[in-house]
Amino acid sequence: EAIARRVKAFGATTAVVRRSPRTSD
């Protein structure tokens, strides 16, 4: 999550693999 927060601040797109396929901001 900490990585995704910084990646989104740069304007990149993010996909994640997690236990449940939930998206967020």
mmCIF file of all heavy atoms, coordinates in Angstrom:
data_MODEL
# 
_entry.id   MODEL 
# 
loop_
_atom_site.group_PDB 
_atom_site.id 
_atom_site.type_symbol 
_atom_site.label_atom_id 
_atom_site.label_alt_id 
_atom_site.label_comp_id 
_atom_site.label_asym_id 
_atom_site.label_entity_id 
_atom_site.label_seq_id 
_atom_site.pdbx_PDB_ins_code 
_atom_site.Cartn_x 
_atom_site.Cartn_y 
_atom_site.Cartn_z 
_atom_site.occupancy 
_atom_site.B_iso_or_equiv 
_atom_site.pdbx_formal_charge 
_atom_site.auth_seq_id 
_atom_site.auth_comp_id 
_atom_site.auth_asym_id 
_atom_site.auth_atom_id 
_atom_site.pdbx_PDB_model_num 
ATOM 1   N N   . GLU A 1 1  ? 0.823   -1.203  0.000   1.00 0.00 ? 1  GLU A N   1 
ATOM 2   C CA  . GLU A 1 1  ? 0.000   0.000   0.000   1.00 0.00 ? 1  GLU A CA  1 
ATOM 3   C C   . GLU A 1 1  ? 0.861   1.259   0.000   1.00 0.00 ? 1  GLU A C   1 
ATOM 4   O O   . GLU A 1 1  ? 0.549   2.238   -0.695  1.00 0.00 ? 1  GLU A O   1 
ATOM 5   C CB  . GLU A 1 1  ? -0.930  0.005   1.210   1.00 0.00 ? 1  GLU A CB  1 
ATOM 6   C CG  . GLU A 1 1  ? -1.866  1.201   1.232   1.00 0.00 ? 1  GLU A CG  1 
ATOM 7   C CD  . GLU A 1 1  ? -2.832  1.181   2.410   1.00 0.00 ? 1  GLU A CD  1 
ATOM 8   O OE1 . GLU A 1 1  ? -2.935  0.128   3.075   1.00 0.00 ? 1  GLU A OE1 1 
ATOM 9   O OE2 . GLU A 1 1  ? -3.480  2.207   2.653   1.00 0.00 ? 1  GLU A OE2 1 
ATOM 10  N N   . ALA A 1 2  ? 1.955   1.247   0.766   1.00 0.00 ? 2  ALA A N   1 
ATOM 11  C CA  . ALA A 1 2  ? 2.840   2.412   0.792   1.00 0.00 ? 2  ALA A CA  1 
ATOM 12  C C   . ALA A 1 2  ? 3.470   2.657   -0.581  1.00 0.00 ? 2  ALA A C   1 
ATOM 13  O O   . ALA A 1 2  ? 3.647   3.805   -1.006  1.00 0.00 ? 2  ALA A O   1 
ATOM 14  C CB  . ALA A 1 2  ? 3.929   2.212   1.843   1.00 0.00 ? 2  ALA A CB  1 
ATOM 15  N N   . ILE A 1 3  ? 3.801   1.573   -1.286  1.00 0.00 ? 3  ILE A N   1 
ATOM 16  C CA  . ILE A 1 3  ? 4.347   1.716   -2.639  1.00 0.00 ? 3  ILE A CA  1 
ATOM 17  C C   . ILE A 1 3  ? 3.277   2.292   -3.569  1.00 0.00 ? 3  ILE A C   1 
ATOM 18  O O   . ILE A 1 3  ? 3.534   3.233   -4.329  1.00 0.00 ? 3  ILE A O   1 
ATOM 19  C CB  . ILE A 1 3  ? 4.851   0.356   -3.157  1.00 0.00 ? 3  ILE A CB  1 
ATOM 20  C CG1 . ILE A 1 3  ? 6.053   -0.113  -2.327  1.00 0.00 ? 3  ILE A CG1 1 
ATOM 21  C CG2 . ILE A 1 3  ? 5.241   0.452   -4.633  1.00 0.00 ? 3  ILE A CG2 1 
ATOM 22  C CD1 . ILE A 1 3  ? 6.438   -1.564  -2.568  1.00 0.00 ? 3  ILE A CD1 1 
ATOM 23  N N   . ALA A 1 4  ? 2.065   1.732   -3.525  1.00 0.00 ? 4  ALA A N   1 
ATOM 24  C CA  . ALA A 1 4  ? 0.988   2.202   -4.399  1.00 0.00 ? 4  ALA A CA  1 
ATOM 25  C C   . ALA A 1 4  ? 0.688   3.678   -4.176  1.00 0.00 ? 4  ALA A C   1 
ATOM 26  O O   . ALA A 1 4  ? 0.427   4.425   -5.132  1.00 0.00 ? 4  ALA A O   1 
ATOM 27  C CB  . ALA A 1 4  ? -0.268  1.370   -4.166  1.00 0.00 ? 4  ALA A CB  1 
ATOM 28  N N   . ARG A 1 5  ? 0.744   4.116   -2.934  1.00 0.00 ? 5  ARG A N   1 
ATOM 29  C CA  . ARG A 1 5  ? 0.468   5.523   -2.627  1.00 0.00 ? 5  ARG A CA  1 
ATOM 30  C C   . ARG A 1 5  ? 1.467   6.442   -3.339  1.00 0.00 ? 5  ARG A C   1 
ATOM 31  O O   . ARG A 1 5  ? 1.097   7.488   -3.889  1.00 0.00 ? 5  ARG A O   1 
ATOM 32  C CB  . ARG A 1 5  ? 0.522   5.729   -1.109  1.00 0.00 ? 5  ARG A CB  1 
ATOM 33  C CG  . ARG A 1 5  ? 0.052   7.108   -0.645  1.00 0.00 ? 5  ARG A CG  1 
ATOM 34  C CD  . ARG A 1 5  ? -0.012  7.157   0.870   1.00 0.00 ? 5  ARG A CD  1 
ATOM 35  N NE  . ARG A 1 5  ? -0.910  6.150   1.416   1.00 0.00 ? 5  ARG A NE  1 
ATOM 36  C CZ  . ARG A 1 5  ? -2.239  6.266   1.439   1.00 0.00 ? 5  ARG A CZ  1 
ATOM 37  N NH1 . ARG A 1 5  ? -2.815  7.345   0.945   1.00 0.00 ? 5  ARG A NH1 1 
ATOM 38  N NH2 . ARG A 1 5  ? -2.974  5.298   1.958   1.00 0.00 ? 5  ARG A NH2 1 
ATOM 39  N N   . ARG A 1 6  ? 2.708   6.053   -3.365  1.00 0.00 ? 6  ARG A N   1 
ATOM 40  C CA  . ARG A 1 6  ? 3.736   6.877   -4.017  1.00 0.00 ? 6  ARG A CA  1 
ATOM 41  C C   . ARG A 1 6  ? 3.667   6.769   -5.537  1.00 0.00 ? 6  ARG A C   1 
ATOM 42  O O   . ARG A 1 6  ? 3.878   7.745   -6.253  1.00 0.00 ? 6  ARG A O   1 
ATOM 43  C CB  . ARG A 1 6  ? 5.107   6.482   -3.472  1.00 0.00 ? 6  ARG A CB  1 
ATOM 44  C CG  . ARG A 1 6  ? 5.320   7.039   -2.070  1.00 0.00 ? 6  ARG A CG  1 
ATOM 45  C CD  . ARG A 1 6  ? 6.238   6.200   -1.203  1.00 0.00 ? 6  ARG A CD  1 
ATOM 46  N NE  . ARG A 1 6  ? 6.315   6.777   0.133   1.00 0.00 ? 6  ARG A NE  1 
ATOM 47  C CZ  . ARG A 1 6  ? 5.380   6.613   1.079   1.00 0.00 ? 6  ARG A CZ  1 
ATOM 48  N NH1 . ARG A 1 6  ? 4.310   5.865   0.834   1.00 0.00 ? 6  ARG A NH1 1 
ATOM 49  N NH2 . ARG A 1 6  ? 5.505   7.195   2.255   1.00 0.00 ? 6  ARG A NH2 1 
ATOM 50  N N   . VAL A 1 7  ? 3.358   5.587   -6.023  1.00 0.00 ? 7  VAL A N   1 
ATOM 51  C CA  . VAL A 1 7  ? 3.221   5.404   -7.466  1.00 0.00 ? 7  VAL A CA  1 
ATOM 52  C C   . VAL A 1 7  ? 2.083   6.264   -8.014  1.00 0.00 ? 7  VAL A C   1 
ATOM 53  O O   . VAL A 1 7  ? 2.226   6.930   -9.056  1.00 0.00 ? 7  VAL A O   1 
ATOM 54  C CB  . VAL A 1 7  ? 2.983   3.915   -7.791  1.00 0.00 ? 7  VAL A CB  1 
ATOM 55  C CG1 . VAL A 1 7  ? 2.596   3.724   -9.254  1.00 0.00 ? 7  VAL A CG1 1 
ATOM 56  C CG2 . VAL A 1 7  ? 4.227   3.096   -7.458  1.00 0.00 ? 7  VAL A CG2 1 
ATOM 57  N N   . LYS A 1 8  ? 0.952   6.282   -7.311  1.00 0.00 ? 8  LYS A N   1 
ATOM 58  C CA  . LYS A 1 8  ? -0.179  7.083   -7.771  1.00 0.00 ? 8  LYS A CA  1 
ATOM 59  C C   . LYS A 1 8  ? 0.130   8.570   -7.721  1.00 0.00 ? 8  LYS A C   1 
ATOM 60  O O   . LYS A 1 8  ? -0.376  9.350   -8.538  1.00 0.00 ? 8  LYS A O   1 
ATOM 61  C CB  . LYS A 1 8  ? -1.433  6.783   -6.941  1.00 0.00 ? 8  LYS A CB  1 
ATOM 62  C CG  . LYS A 1 8  ? -2.006  5.397   -7.148  1.00 0.00 ? 8  LYS A CG  1 
ATOM 63  C CD  . LYS A 1 8  ? -2.324  5.115   -8.602  1.00 0.00 ? 8  LYS A CD  1 
ATOM 64  C CE  . LYS A 1 8  ? -3.474  5.935   -9.134  1.00 0.00 ? 8  LYS A CE  1 
ATOM 65  N NZ  . LYS A 1 8  ? -3.801  5.593   -10.541 1.00 0.00 ? 8  LYS A NZ  1 
ATOM 66  N N   . ALA A 1 9  ? 0.975   8.976   -6.773  1.00 0.00 ? 9  ALA A N   1 
ATOM 67  C CA  . ALA A 1 9  ? 1.364   10.392  -6.707  1.00 0.00 ? 9  ALA A CA  1 
ATOM 68  C C   . ALA A 1 9  ? 2.129   10.822  -7.961  1.00 0.00 ? 9  ALA A C   1 
ATOM 69  O O   . ALA A 1 9  ? 2.104   11.996  -8.338  1.00 0.00 ? 9  ALA A O   1 
ATOM 70  C CB  . ALA A 1 9  ? 2.219   10.639  -5.465  1.00 0.00 ? 9  ALA A CB  1 
ATOM 71  N N   . PHE A 1 10 ? 2.791   9.868   -8.623  1.00 0.00 ? 10 PHE A N   1 
ATOM 72  C CA  . PHE A 1 10 ? 3.494   10.157  -9.871  1.00 0.00 ? 10 PHE A CA  1 
ATOM 73  C C   . PHE A 1 10 ? 2.561   10.083  -11.083 1.00 0.00 ? 10 PHE A C   1 
ATOM 74  O O   . PHE A 1 10 ? 2.972   10.392  -12.199 1.00 0.00 ? 10 PHE A O   1 
ATOM 75  C CB  . PHE A 1 10 ? 4.647   9.173   -10.068 1.00 0.00 ? 10 PHE A CB  1 
ATOM 76  C CG  . PHE A 1 10 ? 5.910   9.555   -9.352  1.00 0.00 ? 10 PHE A CG  1 
ATOM 77  C CD1 . PHE A 1 10 ? 6.103   9.224   -8.016  1.00 0.00 ? 10 PHE A CD1 1 
ATOM 78  C CD2 . PHE A 1 10 ? 6.915   10.243  -10.010 1.00 0.00 ? 10 PHE A CD2 1 
ATOM 79  C CE1 . PHE A 1 10 ? 7.270   9.564   -7.360  1.00 0.00 ? 10 PHE A CE1 1 
ATOM 80  C CE2 . PHE A 1 10 ? 8.091   10.581  -9.363  1.00 0.00 ? 10 PHE A CE2 1 
ATOM 81  C CZ  . PHE A 1 10 ? 8.276   10.247  -8.029  1.00 0.00 ? 10 PHE A CZ  1 
ATOM 82  N N   . GLY A 1 11 ? 1.327   9.639   -10.886 1.00 0.00 ? 11 GLY A N   1 
ATOM 83  C CA  . GLY A 1 11 ? 0.371   9.571   -11.981 1.00 0.00 ? 11 GLY A CA  1 
ATOM 84  C C   . GLY A 1 11 ? 0.387   8.287   -12.762 1.00 0.00 ? 11 GLY A C   1 
ATOM 85  O O   . GLY A 1 11 ? -0.231  8.199   -13.842 1.00 0.00 ? 11 GLY A O   1 
ATOM 86  N N   . ALA A 1 12 ? 1.065   7.261   -12.282 1.00 0.00 ? 12 ALA A N   1 
ATOM 87  C CA  . ALA A 1 12 ? 1.105   5.968   -12.969 1.00 0.00 ? 12 ALA A CA  1 
ATOM 88  C C   . ALA A 1 12 ? -0.174  5.190   -12.685 1.00 0.00 ? 12 ALA A C   1 
ATOM 89  O O   . ALA A 1 12 ? -0.967  5.534   -11.802 1.00 0.00 ? 12 ALA A O   1 
ATOM 90  C CB  . ALA A 1 12 ? 2.320   5.173   -12.512 1.00 0.00 ? 12 ALA A CB  1 
ATOM 91  N N   . THR A 1 13 ? -0.385  4.113   -13.436 1.00 0.00 ? 13 THR A N   1 
ATOM 92  C CA  . THR A 1 13 ? -1.508  3.220   -13.174 1.00 0.00 ? 13 THR A CA  1 
ATOM 93  C C   . THR A 1 13 ? -1.029  2.051   -12.319 1.00 0.00 ? 13 THR A C   1 
ATOM 94  O O   . THR A 1 13 ? 0.115   1.609   -12.441 1.00 0.00 ? 13 THR A O   1 
ATOM 95  C CB  . THR A 1 13 ? -2.128  2.689   -14.472 1.00 0.00 ? 13 THR A CB  1 
ATOM 96  O OG1 . THR A 1 13 ? -1.136  1.964   -15.208 1.00 0.00 ? 13 THR A OG1 1 
ATOM 97  C CG2 . THR A 1 13 ? -2.656  3.826   -15.319 1.00 0.00 ? 13 THR A CG2 1 
ATOM 98  N N   . THR A 1 14 ? -1.898  1.554   -11.463 1.00 0.00 ? 14 THR A N   1 
ATOM 99  C CA  . THR A 1 14 ? -1.518  0.497   -10.531 1.00 0.00 ? 14 THR A CA  1 
ATOM 100 C C   . THR A 1 14 ? -2.486  -0.667  -10.611 1.00 0.00 ? 14 THR A C   1 
ATOM 101 O O   . THR A 1 14 ? -3.708  -0.495  -10.622 1.00 0.00 ? 14 THR A O   1 
ATOM 102 C CB  . THR A 1 14 ? -1.518  1.019   -9.071  1.00 0.00 ? 14 THR A CB  1 
ATOM 103 O OG1 . THR A 1 14 ? -2.803  1.577   -8.779  1.00 0.00 ? 14 THR A OG1 1 
ATOM 104 C CG2 . THR A 1 14 ? -0.444  2.062   -8.865  1.00 0.00 ? 14 THR A CG2 1 
ATOM 105 N N   . ALA A 1 15 ? -1.911  -1.856  -10.680 1.00 0.00 ? 15 ALA A N   1 
ATOM 106 C CA  . ALA A 1 15 ? -2.663  -3.093  -10.497 1.00 0.00 ? 15 ALA A CA  1 
ATOM 107 C C   . ALA A 1 15 ? -2.030  -3.824  -9.326  1.00 0.00 ? 15 ALA A C   1 
ATOM 108 O O   . ALA A 1 15 ? -0.818  -3.710  -9.093  1.00 0.00 ? 15 ALA A O   1 
ATOM 109 C CB  . ALA A 1 15 ? -2.613  -3.958  -11.753 1.00 0.00 ? 15 ALA A CB  1 
ATOM 110 N N   . VAL A 1 16 ? -2.839  -4.539  -8.558  1.00 0.00 ? 16 VAL A N   1 
ATOM 111 C CA  . VAL A 1 16 ? -2.297  -5.256  -7.409  1.00 0.00 ? 16 VAL A CA  1 
ATOM 112 C C   . VAL A 1 16 ? -2.838  -6.680  -7.393  1.00 0.00 ? 16 VAL A C   1 
ATOM 113 O O   . VAL A 1 16 ? -3.936  -6.962  -7.888  1.00 0.00 ? 16 VAL A O   1 
ATOM 114 C CB  . VAL A 1 16 ? -2.631  -4.565  -6.061  1.00 0.00 ? 16 VAL A CB  1 
ATOM 115 C CG1 . VAL A 1 16 ? -2.133  -3.131  -6.056  1.00 0.00 ? 16 VAL A CG1 1 
ATOM 116 C CG2 . VAL A 1 16 ? -4.118  -4.615  -5.766  1.00 0.00 ? 16 VAL A CG2 1 
ATOM 117 N N   . VAL A 1 17 ? -2.027  -7.552  -6.829  1.00 0.00 ? 17 VAL A N   1 
ATOM 118 C CA  . VAL A 1 17 ? -2.459  -8.911  -6.514  1.00 0.00 ? 17 VAL A CA  1 
ATOM 119 C C   . VAL A 1 17 ? -2.607  -8.982  -5.006  1.00 0.00 ? 17 VAL A C   1 
ATOM 120 O O   . VAL A 1 17 ? -1.653  -8.711  -4.265  1.00 0.00 ? 17 VAL A O   1 
ATOM 121 C CB  . VAL A 1 17 ? -1.439  -9.954  -7.019  1.00 0.00 ? 17 VAL A CB  1 
ATOM 122 C CG1 . VAL A 1 17 ? -1.770  -11.336 -6.462  1.00 0.00 ? 17 VAL A CG1 1 
ATOM 123 C CG2 . VAL A 1 17 ? -1.420  -9.980  -8.547  1.00 0.00 ? 17 VAL A CG2 1 
ATOM 124 N N   . ARG A 1 18 ? -3.800  -9.325  -4.554  1.00 0.00 ? 18 ARG A N   1 
ATOM 125 C CA  . ARG A 1 18 ? -4.106  -9.363  -3.125  1.00 0.00 ? 18 ARG A CA  1 
ATOM 126 C C   . ARG A 1 18 ? -5.098  -10.491 -2.863  1.00 0.00 ? 18 ARG A C   1 
ATOM 127 O O   . ARG A 1 18 ? -5.509  -11.193 -3.785  1.00 0.00 ? 18 ARG A O   1 
ATOM 128 C CB  . ARG A 1 18 ? -4.663  -8.002  -2.675  1.00 0.00 ? 18 ARG A CB  1 
ATOM 129 C CG  . ARG A 1 18 ? -5.940  -7.618  -3.398  1.00 0.00 ? 18 ARG A CG  1 
ATOM 130 C CD  . ARG A 1 18 ? -6.375  -6.183  -3.154  1.00 0.00 ? 18 ARG A CD  1 
ATOM 131 N NE  . ARG A 1 18 ? -6.515  -5.874  -1.746  1.00 0.00 ? 18 ARG A NE  1 
ATOM 132 C CZ  . ARG A 1 18 ? -6.990  -4.708  -1.309  1.00 0.00 ? 18 ARG A CZ  1 
ATOM 133 N NH1 . ARG A 1 18 ? -7.372  -3.766  -2.160  1.00 0.00 ? 18 ARG A NH1 1 
ATOM 134 N NH2 . ARG A 1 18 ? -7.097  -4.470  -0.011  1.00 0.00 ? 18 ARG A NH2 1 
ATOM 135 N N   . ARG A 1 19 ? -5.481  -10.664 -1.616  1.00 0.00 ? 19 ARG A N   1 
ATOM 136 C CA  . ARG A 1 19 ? -6.363  -11.777 -1.285  1.00 0.00 ? 19 ARG A CA  1 
ATOM 137 C C   . ARG A 1 19 ? -7.764  -11.620 -1.874  1.00 0.00 ? 19 ARG A C   1 
ATOM 138 O O   . ARG A 1 19 ? -8.434  -12.596 -2.179  1.00 0.00 ? 19 ARG A O   1 
ATOM 139 C CB  . ARG A 1 19 ? -6.454  -11.927 0.240   1.00 0.00 ? 19 ARG A CB  1 
ATOM 140 C CG  . ARG A 1 19 ? -5.147  -12.371 0.872   1.00 0.00 ? 19 ARG A CG  1 
ATOM 141 C CD  . ARG A 1 19 ? -5.326  -12.680 2.345   1.00 0.00 ? 19 ARG A CD  1 
ATOM 142 N NE  . ARG A 1 19 ? -4.061  -13.011 2.956   1.00 0.00 ? 19 ARG A NE  1 
ATOM 143 C CZ  . ARG A 1 19 ? -3.265  -12.121 3.553   1.00 0.00 ? 19 ARG A CZ  1 
ATOM 144 N NH1 . ARG A 1 19 ? -3.622  -10.852 3.600   1.00 0.00 ? 19 ARG A NH1 1 
ATOM 145 N NH2 . ARG A 1 19 ? -2.125  -12.484 4.091   1.00 0.00 ? 19 ARG A NH2 1 
ATOM 146 N N   . SER A 1 20 ? -8.225  -10.370 -1.978  1.00 0.00 ? 20 SER A N   1 
ATOM 147 C CA  . SER A 1 20 ? -9.536  -10.131 -2.582  1.00 0.00 ? 20 SER A CA  1 
ATOM 148 C C   . SER A 1 20 ? -9.381  -9.050  -3.645  1.00 0.00 ? 20 SER A C   1 
ATOM 149 O O   . SER A 1 20 ? -8.616  -8.100  -3.445  1.00 0.00 ? 20 SER A O   1 
ATOM 150 C CB  . SER A 1 20 ? -10.557 -9.695  -1.521  1.00 0.00 ? 20 SER A CB  1 
ATOM 151 O OG  . SER A 1 20 ? -10.165 -8.471  -0.936  1.00 0.00 ? 20 SER A OG  1 
ATOM 152 N N   . PRO A 1 21 ? -10.079 -9.155  -4.780  1.00 0.00 ? 21 PRO A N   1 
ATOM 153 C CA  . PRO A 1 21 ? -9.874  -8.226  -5.897  1.00 0.00 ? 21 PRO A CA  1 
ATOM 154 C C   . PRO A 1 21 ? -10.586 -6.891  -5.707  1.00 0.00 ? 21 PRO A C   1 
ATOM 155 O O   . PRO A 1 21 ? -11.430 -6.488  -6.512  1.00 0.00 ? 21 PRO A O   1 
ATOM 156 C CB  . PRO A 1 21 ? -10.445 -9.013  -7.081  1.00 0.00 ? 21 PRO A CB  1 
ATOM 157 C CG  . PRO A 1 21 ? -11.511 -9.870  -6.496  1.00 0.00 ? 21 PRO A CG  1 
ATOM 158 C CD  . PRO A 1 21 ? -11.021 -10.246 -5.121  1.00 0.00 ? 21 PRO A CD  1 
ATOM 159 N N   . ARG A 1 22 ? -10.219 -6.167  -4.646  1.00 0.00 ? 22 ARG A N   1 
ATOM 160 C CA  . ARG A 1 22 ? -10.840 -4.869  -4.370  1.00 0.00 ? 22 ARG A CA  1 
ATOM 161 C C   . ARG A 1 22 ? -9.970  -3.748  -4.932  1.00 0.00 ? 22 ARG A C   1 
ATOM 162 O O   . ARG A 1 22 ? -8.762  -3.730  -4.728  1.00 0.00 ? 22 ARG A O   1 
ATOM 163 C CB  . ARG A 1 22 ? -11.025 -4.659  -2.866  1.00 0.00 ? 22 ARG A CB  1 
ATOM 164 C CG  . ARG A 1 22 ? -11.987 -5.632  -2.218  1.00 0.00 ? 22 ARG A CG  1 
ATOM 165 C CD  . ARG A 1 22 ? -12.396 -5.156  -0.819  1.00 0.00 ? 22 ARG A CD  1 
ATOM 166 N NE  . ARG A 1 22 ? -11.241 -4.826  -0.005  1.00 0.00 ? 22 ARG A NE  1 
ATOM 167 C CZ  . ARG A 1 22 ? -10.580 -5.686  0.756   1.00 0.00 ? 22 ARG A CZ  1 
ATOM 168 N NH1 . ARG A 1 22 ? -10.954 -6.971  0.792   1.00 0.00 ? 22 ARG A NH1 1 
ATOM 169 N NH2 . ARG A 1 22 ? -9.553  -5.300  1.488   1.00 0.00 ? 22 ARG A NH2 1 
ATOM 170 N N   . THR A 1 23 ? -10.587 -2.778  -5.566  1.00 0.00 ? 23 THR A N   1 
ATOM 171 C CA  . THR A 1 23 ? -9.882  -1.589  -6.030  1.00 0.00 ? 23 THR A CA  1 
ATOM 172 C C   . THR A 1 23 ? -10.110 -0.454  -5.031  1.00 0.00 ? 23 THR A C   1 
ATOM 173 O O   . THR A 1 23 ? -10.866 -0.597  -4.072  1.00 0.00 ? 23 THR A O   1 
ATOM 174 C CB  . THR A 1 23 ? -10.371 -1.164  -7.428  1.00 0.00 ? 23 THR A CB  1 
ATOM 175 O OG1 . THR A 1 23 ? -11.776 -0.922  -7.377  1.00 0.00 ? 23 THR A OG1 1 
ATOM 176 C CG2 . THR A 1 23 ? -10.076 -2.259  -8.455  1.00 0.00 ? 23 THR A CG2 1 
ATOM 177 N N   . SER A 1 24 ? -9.427  0.677   -5.267  1.00 0.00 ? 24 SER A N   1 
ATOM 178 C CA  . SER A 1 24 ? -9.543  1.822   -4.373  1.00 0.00 ? 24 SER A CA  1 
ATOM 179 C C   . SER A 1 24 ? -8.999  3.037   -5.112  1.00 0.00 ? 24 SER A C   1 
ATOM 180 O O   . SER A 1 24 ? -8.677  2.969   -6.305  1.00 0.00 ? 24 SER A O   1 
ATOM 181 C CB  . SER A 1 24 ? -8.749  1.587   -3.084  1.00 0.00 ? 24 SER A CB  1 
ATOM 182 O OG  . SER A 1 24 ? -7.357  1.591   -3.355  1.00 0.00 ? 24 SER A OG  1 
ATOM 183 N N   . ASP A 1 25 ? -8.874  4.149   -4.405  1.00 0.00 ? 25 ASP A N   1 
ATOM 184 C CA  . ASP A 1 25 ? -8.279  5.345   -5.005  1.00 0.00 ? 25 ASP A CA  1 
ATOM 185 C C   . ASP A 1 25 ? -6.829  5.094   -5.415  1.00 0.00 ? 25 ASP A C   1 
ATOM 186 O O   . ASP A 1 25 ? -6.315  5.767   -6.308  1.00 0.00 ? 25 ASP A O   1 
ATOM 187 C CB  . ASP A 1 25 ? -8.334  6.516   -4.023  1.00 0.00 ? 25 ASP A CB  1 
ATOM 188 C CG  . ASP A 1 25 ? -9.756  7.010   -3.778  1.00 0.00 ? 25 ASP A CG  1 
ATOM 189 O OD1 . ASP A 1 25 ? -10.636 6.663   -4.594  1.00 0.00 ? 25 ASP A OD1 1 
ATOM 190 O OD2 . ASP A 1 25 ? -9.976  7.713   -2.779  1.00 0.00 ? 25 ASP A OD2 1 
# 
